[in-house]
Amino acid sequence: MKLFVLGGAKSGKSAFAQKRAEEEFRADSRYKHLCFLATAQAGDEEMSLRIRRHQERRGKPWETVEEHLEIDAIIEEAEPDRLILVDCLTVWLSNVMAEDRGWVRERMDRLIQAIGLSKAGLIIVANEVGLGIVPANPLAREYRDHAGRLNQMVGNAVPEVYFVAAGIPLKMK
């Protein structure tokens, strides 16, 4: 299983992805481990609270792996008995851009390669940031452009894609 879930902020995409992961975990006996690959970092108290709420909502049998940059290695090296929920690629992209903007395309390519090589089940969550107005500053436009390209790359790399709005999933592919 390789599935991509897109949506806006607070659209319900993470809840939908978690529900799908839990259903797949219960239905498919090959999966022995349910893993949440968290890309966010707790940079302030409000973000720490958000992370805690997400962890509490997941509960057992979830294992949480926190990695804000090297998610490609985790995805590629995961055993076939793992079902990994990656939440979220747009946060990961902002982490990559903050680290070194010169390597963004190479990191995106490595991620797509890892998705293709992975034997684990994958559910990948990302924000769709291209539905609004063109940002006023160059860095925001660069981020929006990279996010759009990354979403296209992932959408093409997996067999199943959903768009979630108002808590309602729409199967796109």
Foldseek 3Di string as FASTA:
>chain_A
DEEEEEEAPPLQRVVVLLVVQVVCCVVDVLAPAEEEEEQDDCPDDVVVVVVVVVDVVNDPPYDYDYDNEPVLVVQQPDDQNYAYEYPAVLSSLVVVCVVPVVCSVVSLVSNLVSNLNGNYHYYYYYYQPPPDDQDDDDVVNVSNVSRVVSVVSSVVSDDWYWYGGNSDIDTDD
